């Protein structure tokens, strides 16, 4: 699901960057909403799943991997990282637009970075069998 969200987001932004017209932008705006919500909620779901597995391990008599950290700390850290990333991206995109002289570079850069993230998710994320 995370891979598909990244892939569709990268593909959609790339298409808008290559074919900038009102109809394609309007058609893909709804898809961007769904994709953005997926990309922002899946990490929180992964944190919940991690803690659920840890609780099951502890209930079965095993040793918990992390005794001092709870869901709240993990969610707060993830939220802080997302907010910091948005600030850094905003500053970077502003500089990129000034350098390129057009706002089309925002969509092209967004597409390229999203497709890079898609490759990262595909190659480096381990999934349970």
N, C-alpha and C. Protein backbone atom coordinates (compact mmCIF):
# COMPACT_ATOMS: atom_id res chain seq x y z
N UNK A 1 0.82 -1.18 0.00
CA UNK A 1 0.00 0.00 0.00
C UNK A 1 0.87 1.26 0.00
N UNK A 2 1.92 1.25 0.81
CA UNK A 2 2.81 2.41 0.88
C UNK A 2 3.54 2.59 -0.44
N UNK A 3 3.99 1.49 -1.02
CA UNK A 3 4.68 1.52 -2.32
C UNK A 3 3.75 2.09 -3.39
N UNK A 4 2.52 1.62 -3.41
CA UNK A 4 1.56 2.06 -4.42
C UNK A 4 1.25 3.55 -4.24
N UNK A 5 1.12 3.99 -2.99
CA UNK A 5 0.87 5.41 -2.74
C UNK A 5 2.00 6.29 -3.25
N UNK A 6 3.24 5.90 -2.95
CA UNK A 6 4.38 6.65 -3.46
C UNK A 6 4.42 6.63 -4.99
N UNK A 7 4.19 5.47 -5.57
CA UNK A 7 4.26 5.34 -7.02
C UNK A 7 3.21 6.21 -7.71
N UNK A 8 1.97 6.14 -7.24
CA UNK A 8 0.90 6.93 -7.86
C UNK A 8 1.11 8.42 -7.66
N UNK A 9 1.61 8.80 -6.49
CA UNK A 9 1.89 10.22 -6.25
C UNK A 9 2.98 10.71 -7.21
N UNK A 10 4.05 9.94 -7.35
CA UNK A 10 5.12 10.32 -8.28
C UNK A 10 4.66 10.37 -9.72
N UNK A 11 3.86 9.40 -10.10
CA UNK A 11 3.33 9.36 -11.46
C UNK A 11 2.40 10.54 -11.72
N UNK A 12 1.52 10.83 -10.77
CA UNK A 12 0.57 11.94 -10.93
C UNK A 12 1.25 13.29 -10.99
N UNK A 13 2.20 13.53 -10.09
CA UNK A 13 2.90 14.81 -10.14
C UNK A 13 3.74 14.94 -11.40
N UNK A 14 4.31 13.83 -11.85
CA UNK A 14 5.06 13.87 -13.10
C UNK A 14 4.18 14.21 -14.29
N UNK A 15 2.99 13.64 -14.32
CA UNK A 15 2.07 13.94 -15.42
C UNK A 15 1.62 15.39 -15.41
N UNK A 16 1.35 15.93 -14.22
CA UNK A 16 0.96 17.34 -14.16
C UNK A 16 2.14 18.23 -14.55
N UNK A 17 3.35 17.85 -14.16
CA UNK A 17 4.52 18.64 -14.56
C UNK A 17 4.76 18.61 -16.06
N UNK A 18 4.52 17.47 -16.68
CA UNK A 18 4.73 17.35 -18.13
C UNK A 18 3.59 17.93 -18.94
N UNK A 19 2.37 17.78 -18.45
CA UNK A 19 1.19 18.26 -19.17
C UNK A 19 0.39 19.21 -18.28
N UNK A 20 0.90 20.44 -18.10
CA UNK A 20 0.24 21.36 -17.18
C UNK A 20 -1.00 22.02 -17.80
N UNK A 21 -2.14 21.41 -17.59
CA UNK A 21 -3.38 22.08 -17.96
C UNK A 21 -4.39 21.91 -16.83
N UNK A 22 -5.46 22.67 -16.90
CA UNK A 22 -6.42 22.73 -15.81
C UNK A 22 -7.12 21.39 -15.61
N UNK A 23 -7.49 20.72 -16.68
CA UNK A 23 -8.24 19.47 -16.55
C UNK A 23 -7.43 18.37 -15.88
N UNK A 24 -6.16 18.22 -16.27
CA UNK A 24 -5.36 17.18 -15.63
C UNK A 24 -5.11 17.50 -14.16
N UNK A 25 -4.94 18.77 -13.85
CA UNK A 25 -4.73 19.16 -12.46
C UNK A 25 -5.97 18.88 -11.63
N UNK A 26 -7.14 19.22 -12.15
CA UNK A 26 -8.38 18.96 -11.42
C UNK A 26 -8.65 17.47 -11.28
N UNK A 27 -8.37 16.72 -12.33
CA UNK A 27 -8.62 15.28 -12.28
C UNK A 27 -7.72 14.59 -11.26
N UNK A 28 -6.49 15.04 -11.14
CA UNK A 28 -5.55 14.39 -10.24
C UNK A 28 -5.57 14.95 -8.82
N UNK A 29 -6.28 16.06 -8.60
CA UNK A 29 -6.32 16.65 -7.25
C UNK A 29 -6.97 15.71 -6.23
N UNK A 30 -8.05 15.06 -6.63
CA UNK A 30 -8.70 14.11 -5.71
C UNK A 30 -7.77 12.94 -5.41
N UNK A 31 -7.08 12.49 -6.43
CA UNK A 31 -6.13 11.39 -6.23
C UNK A 31 -4.99 11.82 -5.31
N UNK A 32 -4.55 13.06 -5.41
CA UNK A 32 -3.49 13.57 -4.53
C UNK A 32 -3.95 13.56 -3.08
N UNK A 33 -5.21 13.89 -2.84
CA UNK A 33 -5.73 13.86 -1.47
C UNK A 33 -5.67 12.47 -0.89
N UNK A 34 -6.10 11.48 -1.66
CA UNK A 34 -6.06 10.09 -1.19
C UNK A 34 -4.62 9.63 -1.00
N UNK A 35 -3.76 9.97 -1.95
CA UNK A 35 -2.36 9.55 -1.84
C UNK A 35 -1.66 10.22 -0.67
N UNK A 36 -1.92 11.50 -0.46
CA UNK A 36 -1.29 12.19 0.66
C UNK A 36 -1.76 11.63 1.99
N UNK A 37 -3.04 11.34 2.09
CA UNK A 37 -3.52 10.76 3.35
C UNK A 37 -2.91 9.38 3.58
N UNK A 38 -2.72 8.62 2.53
CA UNK A 38 -2.07 7.32 2.67
C UNK A 38 -0.63 7.48 3.13
N UNK A 39 0.10 8.40 2.51
CA UNK A 39 1.50 8.58 2.84
C UNK A 39 1.71 9.13 4.25
N UNK A 40 0.70 9.83 4.78
CA UNK A 40 0.84 10.39 6.13
C UNK A 40 0.27 9.48 7.21
N UNK A 41 -0.63 8.56 6.87
CA UNK A 41 -1.21 7.70 7.91
C UNK A 41 -0.52 6.34 8.03
N UNK A 42 0.06 5.84 6.97
CA UNK A 42 0.71 4.53 7.02
C UNK A 42 1.84 4.48 8.05
N UNK A 43 2.70 5.49 8.17
CA UNK A 43 3.74 5.40 9.21
C UNK A 43 3.17 5.27 10.62
N UNK A 44 2.06 5.94 10.91
CA UNK A 44 1.44 5.81 12.23
C UNK A 44 0.85 4.41 12.42
N UNK A 45 0.31 3.84 11.35
CA UNK A 45 -0.17 2.47 11.42
C UNK A 45 0.97 1.49 11.66
N UNK A 46 2.12 1.76 11.06
CA UNK A 46 3.28 0.90 11.28
C UNK A 46 3.76 0.97 12.73
N UNK A 47 3.71 2.15 13.33
CA UNK A 47 4.08 2.29 14.74
C UNK A 47 3.12 1.48 15.60
N UNK A 48 1.82 1.58 15.32
CA UNK A 48 0.83 0.83 16.09
C UNK A 48 1.05 -0.67 15.94
N UNK A 49 1.36 -1.12 14.74
CA UNK A 49 1.60 -2.54 14.49
C UNK A 49 2.86 -3.01 15.23
N UNK A 50 3.89 -2.19 15.22
CA UNK A 50 5.12 -2.53 15.94
C UNK A 50 4.84 -2.70 17.43
N UNK A 51 4.10 -1.78 18.01
CA UNK A 51 3.81 -1.86 19.44
C UNK A 51 2.86 -3.03 19.75
N UNK A 52 1.95 -3.33 18.83
CA UNK A 52 1.07 -4.48 19.04
C UNK A 52 1.87 -5.77 19.07
N UNK A 53 2.80 -5.92 18.15
CA UNK A 53 3.64 -7.12 18.13
C UNK A 53 4.51 -7.20 19.38
N UNK A 54 4.98 -6.07 19.84
CA UNK A 54 5.79 -6.04 21.05
C UNK A 54 4.97 -6.46 22.27
N UNK A 55 3.72 -6.03 22.34
CA UNK A 55 2.84 -6.42 23.45
C UNK A 55 2.53 -7.91 23.41
N UNK A 56 2.34 -8.45 22.22
CA UNK A 56 2.09 -9.89 22.09
C UNK A 56 3.32 -10.67 22.52
N UNK A 57 4.50 -10.21 22.13
CA UNK A 57 5.74 -10.87 22.53
C UNK A 57 5.90 -10.86 24.04
N UNK A 58 5.60 -9.73 24.65
CA UNK A 58 5.72 -9.62 26.10
C UNK A 58 4.68 -10.51 26.80
N UNK A 59 3.47 -10.60 26.25
CA UNK A 59 2.42 -11.43 26.84
C UNK A 59 2.76 -12.91 26.74
N UNK A 60 3.50 -13.30 25.73
CA UNK A 60 3.89 -14.70 25.55
C UNK A 60 5.14 -15.07 26.34
N UNK A 61 5.56 -14.19 27.22
CA UNK A 61 6.71 -14.48 28.07
C UNK A 61 8.04 -14.08 27.50
N UNK A 62 8.04 -13.44 26.35
CA UNK A 62 9.30 -13.02 25.75
C UNK A 62 9.76 -11.69 26.33
N UNK A 63 10.93 -11.29 25.90
CA UNK A 63 11.49 -10.02 26.37
C UNK A 63 11.10 -8.93 25.37
N UNK A 64 10.60 -7.83 25.89
CA UNK A 64 10.23 -6.72 25.03
C UNK A 64 11.49 -6.07 24.45
N UNK A 65 11.39 -5.64 23.22
CA UNK A 65 12.54 -5.03 22.57
C UNK A 65 12.85 -3.65 23.14
N UNK A 66 11.81 -2.96 23.57
CA UNK A 66 12.02 -1.59 24.02
C UNK A 66 11.14 -1.33 25.22
N UNK A 67 11.71 -1.26 26.40
CA UNK A 67 10.94 -1.08 27.63
C UNK A 67 10.58 0.37 27.90
N UNK A 68 11.41 1.33 27.52
CA UNK A 68 11.24 2.71 27.95
C UNK A 68 10.45 3.60 27.03
N UNK A 69 10.06 3.11 25.88
CA UNK A 69 9.42 3.98 24.90
C UNK A 69 8.02 3.45 24.59
N UNK A 70 7.06 4.34 24.55
CA UNK A 70 5.70 3.93 24.26
C UNK A 70 5.20 4.49 22.94
N UNK A 71 3.93 4.24 22.67
CA UNK A 71 3.32 4.71 21.42
C UNK A 71 3.32 6.23 21.33
N UNK A 72 3.07 6.87 22.47
CA UNK A 72 3.00 8.34 22.47
C UNK A 72 4.31 8.98 22.05
N UNK A 73 5.41 8.48 22.59
CA UNK A 73 6.73 9.03 22.24
C UNK A 73 7.03 8.78 20.77
N UNK A 74 6.73 7.57 20.29
CA UNK A 74 6.99 7.26 18.89
C UNK A 74 6.15 8.13 17.96
N UNK A 75 4.87 8.31 18.28
CA UNK A 75 4.01 9.16 17.44
C UNK A 75 4.45 10.62 17.48
N UNK A 76 4.88 11.08 18.66
CA UNK A 76 5.37 12.46 18.77
C UNK A 76 6.64 12.64 17.95
N UNK A 77 7.53 11.67 17.99
CA UNK A 77 8.77 11.76 17.21
C UNK A 77 8.46 11.76 15.71
N UNK A 78 7.53 10.91 15.29
CA UNK A 78 7.16 10.86 13.88
C UNK A 78 6.52 12.17 13.44
N UNK A 79 5.65 12.73 14.27
CA UNK A 79 5.01 14.01 13.95
C UNK A 79 6.05 15.11 13.84
N UNK A 80 7.00 15.14 14.75
CA UNK A 80 8.06 16.15 14.70
C UNK A 80 8.89 16.01 13.43
N UNK A 81 9.19 14.76 13.05
CA UNK A 81 9.96 14.55 11.82
C UNK A 81 9.19 15.01 10.59
N UNK A 82 7.89 14.76 10.57
CA UNK A 82 7.07 15.18 9.42
C UNK A 82 7.03 16.71 9.34
N UNK A 83 6.85 17.36 10.49
CA UNK A 83 6.81 18.83 10.49
C UNK A 83 8.15 19.43 10.06
N UNK A 84 9.24 18.89 10.56
CA UNK A 84 10.56 19.36 10.16
C UNK A 84 10.79 19.14 8.66
N UNK A 85 10.36 17.99 8.17
CA UNK A 85 10.51 17.70 6.74
C UNK A 85 9.71 18.70 5.90
N UNK A 86 8.52 19.07 6.36
CA UNK A 86 7.72 20.04 5.60
C UNK A 86 8.38 21.41 5.57
N UNK A 87 9.02 21.80 6.67
CA UNK A 87 9.73 23.09 6.70
C UNK A 87 10.92 23.05 5.75
N UNK A 88 11.69 21.96 5.80
CA UNK A 88 12.85 21.84 4.92
C UNK A 88 12.45 21.79 3.44
N UNK A 89 11.39 21.06 3.15
CA UNK A 89 10.92 20.98 1.76
C UNK A 89 10.43 22.35 1.30
N UNK A 90 9.71 23.05 2.16
CA UNK A 90 9.23 24.39 1.79
C UNK A 90 10.37 25.34 1.47
N UNK A 91 11.41 25.32 2.28
CA UNK A 91 12.57 26.17 2.02
C UNK A 91 13.29 25.74 0.74
N UNK A 92 13.42 24.44 0.55
CA UNK A 92 14.09 23.93 -0.65
C UNK A 92 13.32 24.21 -1.92
N UNK A 93 12.01 24.07 -1.86
CA UNK A 93 11.19 24.31 -3.04
C UNK A 93 11.20 25.79 -3.40
N UNK A 94 11.18 26.65 -2.40
CA UNK A 94 11.25 28.09 -2.68
C UNK A 94 12.54 28.45 -3.39
N UNK A 95 13.64 27.90 -2.92
CA UNK A 95 14.94 28.16 -3.57
C UNK A 95 14.97 27.56 -4.97
N UNK A 96 14.37 26.39 -5.13
CA UNK A 96 14.35 25.73 -6.44
C UNK A 96 13.53 26.54 -7.45
N UNK A 97 12.40 27.09 -7.03
CA UNK A 97 11.58 27.91 -7.92
C UNK A 97 12.32 29.18 -8.30
N UNK A 98 12.99 29.80 -7.34
CA UNK A 98 13.78 31.00 -7.66
C UNK A 98 14.90 30.68 -8.64
N UNK A 99 15.53 29.53 -8.47
CA UNK A 99 16.62 29.13 -9.34
C UNK A 99 16.13 28.81 -10.76
N UNK A 100 15.02 28.08 -10.85
CA UNK A 100 14.51 27.67 -12.17
C UNK A 100 13.68 28.75 -12.83
N UNK A 101 13.03 29.59 -12.05
CA UNK A 101 12.22 30.66 -12.62
C UNK A 101 10.82 30.22 -13.03
N UNK A 102 10.42 29.01 -12.69
CA UNK A 102 9.08 28.52 -13.02
C UNK A 102 8.59 27.59 -11.92
N UNK A 103 7.27 27.54 -11.74
CA UNK A 103 6.72 26.67 -10.70
C UNK A 103 6.55 25.24 -11.19
N UNK A 104 6.75 25.00 -12.47
CA UNK A 104 6.66 23.64 -13.00
C UNK A 104 7.73 22.75 -12.37
N UNK A 105 8.83 23.34 -11.98
CA UNK A 105 9.91 22.58 -11.37
C UNK A 105 9.45 21.93 -10.06
N UNK A 106 8.45 22.50 -9.40
CA UNK A 106 7.93 21.91 -8.16
C UNK A 106 7.34 20.54 -8.45
N UNK A 107 6.55 20.42 -9.49
CA UNK A 107 5.92 19.15 -9.82
C UNK A 107 6.94 18.13 -10.31
N UNK A 108 7.91 18.57 -11.09
CA UNK A 108 8.93 17.66 -11.60
C UNK A 108 9.81 17.15 -10.45
N UNK A 109 10.22 18.07 -9.57
CA UNK A 109 11.05 17.66 -8.43
C UNK A 109 10.26 16.76 -7.49
N UNK A 110 8.99 17.09 -7.27
CA UNK A 110 8.15 16.26 -6.41
C UNK A 110 8.01 14.86 -6.98
N UNK A 111 7.84 14.76 -8.27
CA UNK A 111 7.72 13.46 -8.92
C UNK A 111 9.01 12.66 -8.79
N UNK A 112 10.13 13.30 -9.03
CA UNK A 112 11.42 12.60 -8.96
C UNK A 112 11.70 12.12 -7.53
N UNK A 113 11.46 12.96 -6.55
CA UNK A 113 11.72 12.58 -5.16
C UNK A 113 10.76 11.48 -4.72
N UNK A 114 9.51 11.57 -5.15
CA UNK A 114 8.54 10.55 -4.79
C UNK A 114 8.90 9.20 -5.42
N UNK A 115 9.33 9.21 -6.65
CA UNK A 115 9.73 7.95 -7.28
C UNK A 115 10.99 7.38 -6.64
N UNK A 116 11.90 8.25 -6.17
CA UNK A 116 13.06 7.79 -5.41
C UNK A 116 12.60 7.13 -4.10
N UNK A 117 11.62 7.76 -3.43
CA UNK A 117 11.06 7.17 -2.21
C UNK A 117 10.39 5.84 -2.49
N UNK A 118 9.75 5.73 -3.64
CA UNK A 118 9.11 4.48 -4.04
C UNK A 118 10.15 3.38 -4.19
N UNK A 119 11.25 3.71 -4.81
CA UNK A 119 12.35 2.72 -4.95
C UNK A 119 12.90 2.33 -3.58
N UNK A 120 13.05 3.31 -2.69
CA UNK A 120 13.56 3.03 -1.35
C UNK A 120 12.62 2.09 -0.61
N UNK A 121 11.33 2.36 -0.68
CA UNK A 121 10.34 1.49 -0.02
C UNK A 121 10.38 0.09 -0.63
N UNK A 122 10.50 0.00 -1.94
CA UNK A 122 10.52 -1.29 -2.60
C UNK A 122 11.73 -2.14 -2.27
N UNK A 123 12.88 -1.50 -2.10
CA UNK A 123 14.11 -2.25 -1.89
C UNK A 123 14.51 -2.45 -0.43
N UNK A 124 14.14 -1.52 0.45
CA UNK A 124 14.68 -1.56 1.80
C UNK A 124 13.67 -1.85 2.91
N UNK A 125 12.38 -1.80 2.64
CA UNK A 125 11.40 -2.08 3.68
C UNK A 125 11.18 -3.58 3.75
N UNK A 126 11.25 -4.12 4.94
CA UNK A 126 11.02 -5.56 5.14
C UNK A 126 9.57 -5.78 5.55
N UNK A 127 8.94 -6.71 4.88
CA UNK A 127 7.54 -7.03 5.17
C UNK A 127 7.47 -8.38 5.85
N UNK A 128 6.51 -8.53 6.75
CA UNK A 128 6.30 -9.82 7.40
C UNK A 128 5.71 -10.80 6.40
N UNK A 129 6.05 -12.08 6.53
CA UNK A 129 5.51 -13.07 5.60
C UNK A 129 4.02 -13.33 5.85
